[in-house]
Amino acid sequence: MSQRALAKRSGLSQQLISKLENGLVESTTEVFKLAEILHVDAVWLATGKETSAGPDTQNAAATAFVPLVSWVAAGLWREMENHLQPGSHEELVPVSCRVSRNAFALRVQGDSMEPVFPNGSYIIVDPALEAHHGSYVVMRMDDAEQATFKQLVIDGSERYLKPLNPRYPLMPIRQSVTVCGVVRQMLMNFDYNQPQN
């Protein structure tokens, strides 16, 4: 693939791609985007060193990275996904399953989806997937500012959002909603270096 074609596909400048290729830029998070487009391992692309995975093959899922966004940004994701600027998100989250290029991550807040999705865990959301009965979805009520995360329940012509924690009620969907995406993966990090109270 030419630098020009890669620049067009990635949204990066051809000048930056040239600098990366010639080793004039030591480190950039853009390497993750380029690795996904080129179907290679990001560490291999950045350093030239083989990892246990090495370059991606047709049959193996390479580690990809998606932006961690706020719940407000998630609610507006379909409108802003093509206008994201580099650095407009908190951080990148690794993904070990195949997702579309517009996938994103959210940090779970609260206990309404416990015990399956603990407070503080990460969910990987793919806007390209279609929501079905039983799907874990991120949706925004069209009169709300931010998105919510629940399980979609479809019973005949009725639709509900179901929290997994039985302390919270089933919520009928009585208004217009936007499906921001379907959850593909949950990640939980454990930080043993945090000071104990």
N, C-alpha and C. Protein backbone atom coordinates (compact mmCIF):
# COMPACT_ATOMS: atom_id res chain seq x y z
N MET A 1 0.85 -1.18 0.00
CA MET A 1 0.00 0.00 0.00
C MET A 1 0.90 1.24 0.00
N SER A 2 0.57 2.20 -0.83
CA SER A 2 1.37 3.41 -0.90
C SER A 2 1.11 4.30 0.31
N GLN A 3 2.04 5.21 0.58
CA GLN A 3 1.85 6.17 1.68
C GLN A 3 0.59 6.99 1.44
N ARG A 4 0.36 7.36 0.21
CA ARG A 4 -0.81 8.18 -0.13
C ARG A 4 -2.11 7.42 0.17
N ALA A 5 -2.16 6.14 -0.24
CA ALA A 5 -3.36 5.33 -0.01
C ALA A 5 -3.57 5.11 1.48
N LEU A 6 -2.48 4.87 2.21
CA LEU A 6 -2.59 4.66 3.66
C LEU A 6 -3.03 5.94 4.35
N ALA A 7 -2.53 7.08 3.89
CA ALA A 7 -2.93 8.36 4.46
C ALA A 7 -4.43 8.58 4.26
N LYS A 8 -4.90 8.30 3.07
CA LYS A 8 -6.32 8.48 2.78
C LYS A 8 -7.18 7.57 3.63
N ARG A 9 -6.75 6.32 3.76
CA ARG A 9 -7.54 5.33 4.51
C ARG A 9 -7.52 5.59 6.01
N SER A 10 -6.40 6.10 6.53
CA SER A 10 -6.26 6.28 7.97
C SER A 10 -6.68 7.66 8.45
N GLY A 11 -6.74 8.63 7.53
CA GLY A 11 -7.05 10.00 7.94
C GLY A 11 -5.83 10.73 8.48
N LEU A 12 -4.66 10.10 8.43
CA LEU A 12 -3.42 10.74 8.86
C LEU A 12 -2.77 11.44 7.68
N SER A 13 -1.86 12.35 7.95
CA SER A 13 -1.18 13.03 6.86
C SER A 13 -0.13 12.11 6.25
N GLN A 14 0.10 12.28 4.97
CA GLN A 14 1.13 11.50 4.29
C GLN A 14 2.50 11.83 4.87
N GLN A 15 2.67 13.07 5.32
CA GLN A 15 3.93 13.49 5.92
C GLN A 15 4.21 12.70 7.21
N LEU A 16 3.19 12.52 8.06
CA LEU A 16 3.37 11.75 9.29
C LEU A 16 3.69 10.30 8.96
N ILE A 17 2.99 9.73 8.00
CA ILE A 17 3.24 8.34 7.62
C ILE A 17 4.67 8.18 7.11
N SER A 18 5.14 9.14 6.33
CA SER A 18 6.51 9.10 5.83
C SER A 18 7.51 9.15 6.99
N LYS A 19 7.27 10.03 7.96
CA LYS A 19 8.16 10.14 9.12
C LYS A 19 8.16 8.85 9.93
N LEU A 20 6.97 8.23 10.10
CA LEU A 20 6.89 6.96 10.82
C LEU A 20 7.68 5.88 10.08
N GLU A 21 7.49 5.82 8.78
CA GLU A 21 8.16 4.80 7.97
C GLU A 21 9.68 4.95 8.00
N ASN A 22 10.15 6.18 8.06
CA ASN A 22 11.59 6.44 8.05
C ASN A 22 12.20 6.53 9.45
N GLY A 23 11.40 6.24 10.49
CA GLY A 23 11.92 6.24 11.85
C GLY A 23 12.19 7.62 12.41
N LEU A 24 11.57 8.66 11.84
CA LEU A 24 11.79 10.02 12.32
C LEU A 24 10.85 10.41 13.46
N VAL A 25 9.85 9.57 13.70
CA VAL A 25 8.93 9.76 14.83
C VAL A 25 9.07 8.53 15.69
N GLU A 26 9.45 8.73 16.96
CA GLU A 26 9.71 7.57 17.81
C GLU A 26 8.45 6.90 18.32
N SER A 27 7.46 7.66 18.75
CA SER A 27 6.29 7.06 19.38
C SER A 27 5.05 7.86 19.07
N THR A 28 4.00 7.17 18.72
CA THR A 28 2.71 7.82 18.49
C THR A 28 1.61 6.80 18.66
N THR A 29 0.48 7.23 19.17
CA THR A 29 -0.65 6.30 19.30
C THR A 29 -1.25 5.97 17.94
N GLU A 30 -0.89 6.75 16.92
CA GLU A 30 -1.43 6.49 15.59
C GLU A 30 -0.98 5.15 15.03
N VAL A 31 0.08 4.58 15.61
CA VAL A 31 0.56 3.28 15.14
C VAL A 31 -0.52 2.21 15.31
N PHE A 32 -1.40 2.37 16.32
CA PHE A 32 -2.46 1.39 16.53
C PHE A 32 -3.47 1.42 15.38
N LYS A 33 -3.81 2.63 14.95
CA LYS A 33 -4.74 2.77 13.82
C LYS A 33 -4.13 2.18 12.55
N LEU A 34 -2.86 2.47 12.33
CA LEU A 34 -2.18 1.96 11.14
C LEU A 34 -2.05 0.44 11.19
N ALA A 35 -1.77 -0.11 12.37
CA ALA A 35 -1.64 -1.56 12.50
C ALA A 35 -2.95 -2.25 12.18
N GLU A 36 -4.06 -1.64 12.61
CA GLU A 36 -5.37 -2.23 12.32
C GLU A 36 -5.64 -2.22 10.81
N ILE A 37 -5.35 -1.11 10.17
CA ILE A 37 -5.59 -1.00 8.73
C ILE A 37 -4.71 -1.97 7.94
N LEU A 38 -3.45 -2.12 8.39
CA LEU A 38 -2.51 -2.98 7.68
C LEU A 38 -2.60 -4.45 8.11
N HIS A 39 -3.42 -4.73 9.12
CA HIS A 39 -3.60 -6.09 9.64
C HIS A 39 -2.28 -6.68 10.13
N VAL A 40 -1.58 -5.89 10.94
CA VAL A 40 -0.35 -6.36 11.56
C VAL A 40 -0.39 -6.02 13.05
N ASP A 41 0.48 -6.65 13.81
CA ASP A 41 0.58 -6.39 15.24
C ASP A 41 1.18 -5.00 15.46
N ALA A 42 0.59 -4.22 16.37
CA ALA A 42 1.05 -2.85 16.60
C ALA A 42 2.48 -2.80 17.14
N VAL A 43 2.84 -3.74 18.01
CA VAL A 43 4.21 -3.76 18.55
C VAL A 43 5.20 -4.05 17.43
N TRP A 44 4.87 -5.00 16.59
CA TRP A 44 5.73 -5.33 15.45
C TRP A 44 5.89 -4.12 14.53
N LEU A 45 4.78 -3.41 14.27
CA LEU A 45 4.83 -2.25 13.39
C LEU A 45 5.69 -1.14 14.00
N ALA A 46 5.55 -0.92 15.30
CA ALA A 46 6.26 0.17 15.96
C ALA A 46 7.74 -0.12 16.16
N THR A 47 8.09 -1.41 16.43
CA THR A 47 9.46 -1.73 16.81
C THR A 47 10.19 -2.65 15.83
N GLY A 48 9.43 -3.36 15.01
CA GLY A 48 10.04 -4.34 14.12
C GLY A 48 10.32 -5.65 14.81
N LYS A 49 10.03 -5.72 16.12
CA LYS A 49 10.28 -6.95 16.88
C LYS A 49 9.06 -7.85 16.83
N GLU A 50 9.32 -9.13 16.61
CA GLU A 50 8.24 -10.11 16.59
C GLU A 50 7.68 -10.27 18.00
N THR A 51 6.37 -10.33 18.10
CA THR A 51 5.73 -10.68 19.36
C THR A 51 5.27 -12.12 19.22
N SER A 52 4.64 -12.63 20.24
CA SER A 52 4.15 -14.01 20.15
C SER A 52 3.14 -14.14 19.02
N ALA A 53 2.43 -13.06 18.72
CA ALA A 53 1.44 -13.11 17.65
C ALA A 53 2.09 -12.84 16.30
N GLY A 54 3.10 -11.95 16.27
CA GLY A 54 3.72 -11.57 15.01
C GLY A 54 2.72 -10.85 14.13
N PRO A 55 3.02 -10.70 12.85
CA PRO A 55 2.06 -10.08 11.95
C PRO A 55 0.78 -10.88 11.91
N ASP A 56 -0.32 -10.19 11.76
CA ASP A 56 -1.63 -10.84 11.73
C ASP A 56 -1.75 -11.75 10.51
N THR A 57 -2.49 -12.83 10.68
CA THR A 57 -2.80 -13.70 9.56
C THR A 57 -4.29 -13.59 9.29
N GLN A 58 -4.73 -14.15 8.18
CA GLN A 58 -6.15 -14.07 7.82
C GLN A 58 -7.04 -14.71 8.87
N ASN A 59 -6.57 -15.76 9.54
CA ASN A 59 -7.44 -16.52 10.44
C ASN A 59 -7.32 -16.12 11.90
N ALA A 60 -6.34 -15.31 12.25
CA ALA A 60 -6.15 -14.96 13.66
C ALA A 60 -6.57 -13.52 13.89
N ALA A 61 -7.21 -13.28 15.03
CA ALA A 61 -7.62 -11.92 15.37
C ALA A 61 -6.43 -11.19 15.98
N ALA A 62 -6.00 -10.11 15.37
CA ALA A 62 -4.89 -9.32 15.90
C ALA A 62 -5.41 -8.45 17.04
N THR A 63 -4.50 -8.05 17.92
CA THR A 63 -4.89 -7.13 18.96
C THR A 63 -5.13 -5.77 18.31
N ALA A 64 -6.30 -5.25 18.51
CA ALA A 64 -6.63 -3.92 17.99
C ALA A 64 -6.81 -3.01 19.19
N PHE A 65 -6.92 -1.75 18.95
CA PHE A 65 -7.13 -0.77 20.01
C PHE A 65 -8.27 0.13 19.60
N VAL A 66 -9.14 0.45 20.55
CA VAL A 66 -10.27 1.33 20.29
C VAL A 66 -10.22 2.47 21.29
N PRO A 67 -10.79 3.63 20.94
CA PRO A 67 -10.76 4.76 21.86
C PRO A 67 -11.73 4.57 23.02
N LEU A 68 -11.29 4.96 24.21
CA LEU A 68 -12.15 5.01 25.38
C LEU A 68 -12.83 6.37 25.36
N VAL A 69 -14.16 6.39 25.33
CA VAL A 69 -14.90 7.65 25.23
C VAL A 69 -15.81 7.82 26.44
N SER A 70 -16.35 9.00 26.60
CA SER A 70 -17.28 9.28 27.69
C SER A 70 -18.67 8.78 27.31
N TRP A 71 -19.56 8.68 28.29
CA TRP A 71 -20.93 8.23 28.04
C TRP A 71 -21.69 9.25 27.21
N VAL A 72 -21.35 10.53 27.33
CA VAL A 72 -21.98 11.55 26.50
C VAL A 72 -21.52 11.37 25.05
N ALA A 73 -20.21 11.19 24.86
CA ALA A 73 -19.69 10.97 23.50
C ALA A 73 -20.28 9.71 22.89
N ALA A 74 -20.47 8.67 23.70
CA ALA A 74 -21.07 7.42 23.19
C ALA A 74 -22.47 7.67 22.67
N GLY A 75 -23.23 8.51 23.36
CA GLY A 75 -24.59 8.83 22.93
C GLY A 75 -24.63 9.55 21.60
N LEU A 76 -23.55 10.25 21.28
CA LEU A 76 -23.48 11.00 20.02
C LEU A 76 -22.54 10.35 19.02
N TRP A 77 -22.13 9.11 19.28
CA TRP A 77 -21.08 8.47 18.50
C TRP A 77 -21.38 8.42 17.02
N ARG A 78 -22.60 8.08 16.64
CA ARG A 78 -22.92 7.96 15.21
C ARG A 78 -22.74 9.30 14.49
N GLU A 79 -22.99 10.41 15.20
CA GLU A 79 -22.82 11.71 14.58
C GLU A 79 -21.35 12.13 14.52
N MET A 80 -20.54 11.68 15.51
CA MET A 80 -19.18 12.20 15.59
C MET A 80 -18.11 11.21 15.17
N GLU A 81 -18.45 9.94 14.89
CA GLU A 81 -17.42 8.93 14.65
C GLU A 81 -16.52 9.26 13.46
N ASN A 82 -17.05 9.94 12.47
CA ASN A 82 -16.23 10.30 11.32
C ASN A 82 -15.51 11.63 11.49
N HIS A 83 -15.73 12.28 12.63
CA HIS A 83 -15.12 13.59 12.87
C HIS A 83 -14.17 13.57 14.05
N LEU A 84 -13.83 12.37 14.55
CA LEU A 84 -12.92 12.27 15.69
C LEU A 84 -11.54 12.78 15.30
N GLN A 85 -11.00 13.61 16.11
CA GLN A 85 -9.64 14.11 15.89
C GLN A 85 -8.68 13.28 16.74
N PRO A 86 -7.45 13.05 16.26
CA PRO A 86 -6.48 12.36 17.08
C PRO A 86 -6.35 13.04 18.44
N GLY A 87 -6.33 12.25 19.51
CA GLY A 87 -6.21 12.80 20.85
C GLY A 87 -7.51 13.27 21.45
N SER A 88 -8.66 13.04 20.77
CA SER A 88 -9.93 13.53 21.30
C SER A 88 -10.58 12.51 22.23
N HIS A 89 -9.84 11.51 22.64
CA HIS A 89 -10.36 10.51 23.55
C HIS A 89 -9.35 10.32 24.69
N GLU A 90 -9.83 9.73 25.81
CA GLU A 90 -8.99 9.57 26.99
C GLU A 90 -7.76 8.71 26.73
N GLU A 91 -8.00 7.52 26.20
CA GLU A 91 -6.94 6.54 26.00
C GLU A 91 -7.40 5.48 25.02
N LEU A 92 -6.51 4.57 24.70
CA LEU A 92 -6.86 3.46 23.83
C LEU A 92 -6.95 2.19 24.66
N VAL A 93 -7.93 1.35 24.33
CA VAL A 93 -8.17 0.11 25.06
C VAL A 93 -7.93 -1.06 24.10
N PRO A 94 -7.14 -2.08 24.51
CA PRO A 94 -6.90 -3.21 23.62
C PRO A 94 -8.14 -4.09 23.49
N VAL A 95 -8.30 -4.67 22.31
CA VAL A 95 -9.44 -5.53 22.01
C VAL A 95 -8.89 -6.82 21.42
N SER A 96 -9.39 -7.96 21.87
CA SER A 96 -8.89 -9.23 21.35
C SER A 96 -9.89 -9.92 20.43
N CYS A 97 -10.98 -9.25 20.10
CA CYS A 97 -11.95 -9.82 19.15
C CYS A 97 -12.02 -8.89 17.94
N ARG A 98 -12.59 -9.39 16.86
CA ARG A 98 -12.71 -8.56 15.66
C ARG A 98 -13.85 -7.56 15.86
N VAL A 99 -13.56 -6.30 15.56
CA VAL A 99 -14.55 -5.24 15.65
C VAL A 99 -14.43 -4.35 14.42
N SER A 100 -15.46 -3.57 14.16
CA SER A 100 -15.39 -2.64 13.03
C SER A 100 -14.48 -1.48 13.39
N ARG A 101 -14.10 -0.71 12.39
CA ARG A 101 -13.19 0.41 12.62
C ARG A 101 -13.80 1.52 13.47
N ASN A 102 -15.12 1.51 13.64
CA ASN A 102 -15.78 2.55 14.43
C ASN A 102 -16.11 2.11 15.85
N ALA A 103 -15.57 0.97 16.27
CA ALA A 103 -15.83 0.49 17.63
C ALA A 103 -15.19 1.43 18.65
N PHE A 104 -15.71 1.39 19.86
CA PHE A 104 -15.18 2.23 20.93
C PHE A 104 -15.34 1.50 22.26
N ALA A 105 -14.71 2.03 23.29
CA ALA A 105 -14.78 1.45 24.63
C ALA A 105 -15.44 2.43 25.59
N LEU A 106 -16.09 1.86 26.60
CA LEU A 106 -16.69 2.64 27.68
C LEU A 106 -16.28 2.01 29.01
N ARG A 107 -16.17 2.82 30.05
CA ARG A 107 -15.92 2.31 31.39
C ARG A 107 -17.28 2.22 32.10
N VAL A 108 -17.62 1.02 32.54
CA VAL A 108 -18.91 0.79 33.20
C VAL A 108 -18.96 1.61 34.49
N GLN A 109 -20.09 2.30 34.68
CA GLN A 109 -20.30 3.11 35.88
C GLN A 109 -21.53 2.61 36.61
N GLY A 110 -21.41 2.35 37.90
CA GLY A 110 -22.54 1.90 38.69
C GLY A 110 -22.67 0.39 38.71
N ASP A 111 -23.73 -0.08 39.38
CA ASP A 111 -23.88 -1.52 39.59
C ASP A 111 -25.10 -2.13 38.91
N SER A 112 -25.74 -1.40 38.00
CA SER A 112 -26.98 -1.90 37.39
C SER A 112 -26.75 -3.13 36.50
N MET A 113 -25.51 -3.33 36.02
CA MET A 113 -25.23 -4.49 35.16
C MET A 113 -24.39 -5.55 35.87
N GLU A 114 -24.24 -5.41 37.20
CA GLU A 114 -23.54 -6.45 37.97
C GLU A 114 -24.48 -7.65 38.16
N PRO A 115 -23.96 -8.84 38.26
CA PRO A 115 -22.55 -9.19 38.49
C PRO A 115 -21.75 -9.42 37.21
N VAL A 116 -22.39 -9.45 36.04
CA VAL A 116 -21.68 -9.77 34.81
C VAL A 116 -20.71 -8.67 34.41
N PHE A 117 -21.14 -7.42 34.51
CA PHE A 117 -20.32 -6.28 34.11
C PHE A 117 -20.07 -5.40 35.34
N PRO A 118 -18.99 -5.65 36.08
CA PRO A 118 -18.73 -4.90 37.32
C PRO A 118 -18.43 -3.42 37.07
N ASN A 119 -18.74 -2.62 38.07
CA ASN A 119 -18.40 -1.21 38.05
C ASN A 119 -16.89 -1.10 37.81
N GLY A 120 -16.49 -0.25 36.85
CA GLY A 120 -15.07 -0.05 36.56
C GLY A 120 -14.54 -0.91 35.43
N SER A 121 -15.29 -1.93 35.02
CA SER A 121 -14.84 -2.75 33.89
C SER A 121 -15.02 -1.97 32.60
N TYR A 122 -14.44 -2.47 31.53
CA TYR A 122 -14.55 -1.84 30.22
C TYR A 122 -15.42 -2.70 29.32
N ILE A 123 -16.25 -2.05 28.52
CA ILE A 123 -17.00 -2.76 27.50
C ILE A 123 -16.56 -2.24 26.13
N ILE A 124 -16.45 -3.15 25.18
CA ILE A 124 -16.10 -2.80 23.81
C ILE A 124 -17.39 -2.82 23.01
N VAL A 125 -17.72 -1.70 22.40
CA VAL A 125 -19.01 -1.50 21.73
C VAL A 125 -18.77 -1.35 20.23
N ASP A 126 -19.55 -2.11 19.45
CA ASP A 126 -19.40 -2.06 17.99
C ASP A 126 -20.68 -1.52 17.36
N PRO A 127 -20.64 -0.32 16.77
CA PRO A 127 -21.83 0.26 16.14
C PRO A 127 -22.26 -0.47 14.87
N ALA A 128 -21.40 -1.31 14.32
CA ALA A 128 -21.73 -2.01 13.07
C ALA A 128 -22.59 -3.24 13.30
N LEU A 129 -22.73 -3.69 14.55
CA LEU A 129 -23.52 -4.88 14.83
C LEU A 129 -24.99 -4.52 15.03
N GLU A 130 -25.86 -5.42 14.60
CA GLU A 130 -27.29 -5.21 14.76
C GLU A 130 -27.75 -5.75 16.11
N ALA A 131 -28.58 -5.00 16.80
CA ALA A 131 -29.08 -5.41 18.12
C ALA A 131 -30.25 -6.38 17.95
N HIS A 132 -30.22 -7.46 18.72
CA HIS A 132 -31.28 -8.47 18.73
C HIS A 132 -31.74 -8.69 20.16
N HIS A 133 -32.79 -9.47 20.32
CA HIS A 133 -33.25 -9.85 21.65
C HIS A 133 -32.08 -10.50 22.41
N GLY A 134 -31.82 -10.02 23.59
CA GLY A 134 -30.74 -10.57 24.41
C GLY A 134 -29.40 -9.87 24.24
N SER A 135 -29.27 -9.00 23.24
CA SER A 135 -28.01 -8.29 23.04
C SER A 135 -27.77 -7.31 24.19
N TYR A 136 -26.51 -7.15 24.56
CA TYR A 136 -26.14 -6.08 25.49
C TYR A 136 -25.88 -4.85 24.62
N VAL A 137 -26.63 -3.80 24.88
CA VAL A 137 -26.60 -2.63 23.99
C VAL A 137 -26.27 -1.35 24.75
N VAL A 138 -25.69 -0.43 24.00
CA VAL A 138 -25.53 0.94 24.48
C VAL A 138 -26.51 1.76 23.65
N MET A 139 -27.46 2.40 24.35
CA MET A 139 -28.53 3.16 23.68
C MET A 139 -28.63 4.54 24.29
N ARG A 140 -29.15 5.44 23.49
CA ARG A 140 -29.44 6.78 24.01
C ARG A 140 -30.89 7.10 23.72
N MET A 141 -31.63 7.42 24.79
CA MET A 141 -32.98 7.94 24.60
C MET A 141 -32.82 9.27 23.90
N ASP A 142 -33.62 9.52 22.88
CA ASP A 142 -33.38 10.70 22.05
C ASP A 142 -33.58 12.03 22.78
N ASP A 143 -34.19 11.99 23.97
CA ASP A 143 -34.29 13.23 24.75
C ASP A 143 -33.24 13.29 25.86
N ALA A 144 -32.31 12.31 25.88
CA ALA A 144 -31.27 12.28 26.92
C ALA A 144 -29.94 12.72 26.34
N GLU A 145 -29.05 13.17 27.22
CA GLU A 145 -27.75 13.66 26.79
C GLU A 145 -26.74 12.53 26.64
N GLN A 146 -26.82 11.52 27.54
CA GLN A 146 -25.82 10.47 27.49
C GLN A 146 -26.45 9.10 27.28
N ALA A 147 -25.61 8.16 26.91
CA ALA A 147 -26.06 6.80 26.61
C ALA A 147 -26.25 6.00 27.90
N THR A 148 -26.93 4.86 27.77
CA THR A 148 -27.10 3.93 28.87
C THR A 148 -26.75 2.54 28.36
N PHE A 149 -26.40 1.65 29.27
CA PHE A 149 -25.98 0.29 28.93
C PHE A 149 -26.90 -0.70 29.63
N LYS A 150 -27.60 -1.51 28.83
CA LYS A 150 -28.52 -2.51 29.37
C LYS A 150 -28.62 -3.68 28.39
N GLN A 151 -29.40 -4.70 28.79
CA GLN A 151 -29.70 -5.81 27.89
C GLN A 151 -31.03 -5.51 27.19
N LEU A 152 -31.06 -5.75 25.88
CA LEU A 152 -32.26 -5.50 25.10
C LEU A 152 -33.18 -6.72 25.19
N VAL A 153 -34.42 -6.49 25.57
CA VAL A 153 -35.43 -7.55 25.63
C VAL A 153 -36.54 -7.18 24.65
N ILE A 154 -36.85 -8.09 23.73
CA ILE A 154 -37.92 -7.86 22.77
C ILE A 154 -38.99 -8.92 23.00
N ASP A 155 -40.20 -8.47 23.32
CA ASP A 155 -41.33 -9.36 23.58
C ASP A 155 -42.47 -8.94 22.66
N GLY A 156 -42.58 -9.63 21.52
CA GLY A 156 -43.58 -9.24 20.53
C GLY A 156 -43.23 -7.88 19.97
N SER A 157 -44.16 -6.94 20.10
CA SER A 157 -43.90 -5.58 19.60
C SER A 157 -43.32 -4.67 20.69
N GLU A 158 -43.20 -5.19 21.89
CA GLU A 158 -42.67 -4.40 23.01
C GLU A 158 -41.16 -4.58 23.14
N ARG A 159 -40.46 -3.49 23.49
CA ARG A 159 -39.02 -3.53 23.73
C ARG A 159 -38.72 -2.97 25.11
N TYR A 160 -37.74 -3.59 25.77
CA TYR A 160 -37.38 -3.19 27.13
C TYR A 160 -35.87 -3.12 27.25
N LEU A 161 -35.40 -2.33 28.21
CA LEU A 161 -34.00 -2.33 28.62
C LEU A 161 -33.94 -2.98 29.99
N LYS A 162 -33.14 -4.05 30.09
CA LYS A 162 -33.10 -4.85 31.31
C LYS A 162 -31.75 -4.70 32.01
N PRO A 163 -31.76 -4.17 33.23
CA PRO A 163 -30.53 -4.21 34.04
C PRO A 163 -30.32 -5.65 34.52
N LEU A 164 -29.09 -6.09 34.67
CA LEU A 164 -28.85 -7.45 35.15
C LEU A 164 -28.94 -7.56 36.66
N ASN A 165 -28.76 -6.45 37.35
CA ASN A 165 -28.89 -6.42 38.81
C ASN A 165 -30.38 -6.40 39.14
N PRO A 166 -30.88 -7.42 39.87
CA PRO A 166 -32.32 -7.49 40.14
C PRO A 166 -32.86 -6.34 41.00
N ARG A 167 -31.98 -5.53 41.58
CA ARG A 167 -32.45 -4.37 42.36
C ARG A 167 -33.03 -3.27 41.48
N TYR A 168 -32.77 -3.34 40.18
CA TYR A 168 -33.23 -2.30 39.26
C TYR A 168 -34.37 -2.83 38.40
N PRO A 169 -35.36 -1.99 38.09
CA PRO A 169 -36.53 -2.46 37.33
C PRO A 169 -36.27 -2.56 35.83
N LEU A 170 -37.05 -3.41 35.18
CA LEU A 170 -37.09 -3.51 33.73
C LEU A 170 -37.68 -2.19 33.21
N MET A 171 -37.08 -1.62 32.17
CA MET A 171 -37.53 -0.32 31.68
C MET A 171 -38.14 -0.46 30.30
N PRO A 172 -39.45 -0.21 30.16
CA PRO A 172 -40.04 -0.25 28.81
C PRO A 172 -39.51 0.89 27.97
N ILE A 173 -39.27 0.63 26.70
CA ILE A 173 -38.82 1.68 25.78
C ILE A 173 -40.08 2.29 25.19
N ARG A 174 -40.41 3.48 25.65
CA ARG A 174 -41.64 4.14 25.24
C ARG A 174 -41.39 5.36 24.36
N GLN A 175 -40.14 5.61 24.05
CA GLN A 175 -39.81 6.78 23.25
C GLN A 175 -38.79 6.39 22.20
N SER A 176 -38.45 7.34 21.37
CA SER A 176 -37.48 7.10 20.31
C SER A 176 -36.09 6.94 20.92
N VAL A 177 -35.36 5.93 20.45
CA VAL A 177 -34.01 5.68 20.95
C VAL A 177 -33.05 5.53 19.77
N THR A 178 -31.78 5.77 20.05
CA THR A 178 -30.71 5.54 19.09
C THR A 178 -29.84 4.43 19.65
N VAL A 179 -29.66 3.35 18.88
CA VAL A 179 -28.75 2.29 19.28
C VAL A 179 -27.34 2.75 18.91
N CYS A 180 -26.51 2.95 19.92
CA CYS A 180 -25.13 3.41 19.68
C CYS A 180 -24.22 2.25 19.31
N GLY A 181 -24.58 1.04 19.74
CA GLY A 181 -23.78 -0.12 19.41
C GLY A 181 -24.11 -1.31 20.28
N VAL A 182 -23.56 -2.45 19.90
CA VAL A 182 -23.75 -3.71 20.62
C VAL A 182 -22.43 -4.08 21.28
N VAL A 183 -22.49 -4.55 22.52
CA VAL A 183 -21.29 -4.90 23.27
C VAL A 183 -20.71 -6.19 22.71
N ARG A 184 -19.41 -6.17 22.40
CA ARG A 184 -18.70 -7.34 21.86
C ARG A 184 -17.82 -8.01 22.90
N GLN A 185 -17.36 -7.24 23.88
CA GLN A 185 -16.39 -7.80 24.82
C GLN A 185 -16.41 -6.99 26.11
N MET A 186 -16.05 -7.65 27.21
CA MET A 186 -15.89 -6.98 28.50
C MET A 186 -14.47 -7.25 28.98
N LEU A 187 -13.82 -6.22 29.49
CA LEU A 187 -12.46 -6.34 30.01
C LEU A 187 -12.43 -5.84 31.43
N MET A 188 -11.64 -6.48 32.26
CA MET A 188 -11.50 -6.05 33.65
C MET A 188 -10.02 -6.01 33.97
N ASN A 189 -9.55 -4.88 34.42
CA ASN A 189 -8.15 -4.75 34.84
C ASN A 189 -8.09 -4.77 36.36
N PHE A 190 -7.06 -5.40 36.89
CA PHE A 190 -6.86 -5.45 38.33
C PHE A 190 -5.57 -4.71 38.65
N ASP A 191 -5.65 -3.71 39.50
CA ASP A 191 -4.49 -2.93 39.86
C ASP A 191 -4.14 -3.24 41.30
N TYR A 192 -3.12 -4.06 41.48
CA TYR A 192 -2.71 -4.47 42.83
C TYR A 192 -1.77 -3.46 43.47
N ASN A 193 -1.42 -2.39 42.75
CA ASN A 193 -0.50 -1.39 43.29
C ASN A 193 -1.21 -0.23 43.95
N GLN A 194 -2.55 -0.28 43.98
CA GLN A 194 -3.31 0.79 44.63
C GLN A 194 -3.10 0.72 46.14
N PRO A 195 -2.93 1.86 46.80
CA PRO A 195 -2.77 1.85 48.26
C PRO A 195 -4.02 1.32 48.94
N GLN A 196 -3.83 0.55 49.96
CA GLN A 196 -4.94 -0.03 50.72
C GLN A 196 -5.39 0.95 51.79
N ASN A 197 -6.71 1.05 52.01
CA ASN A 197 -7.25 1.95 53.05
C ASN A 197 -7.25 1.24 54.40
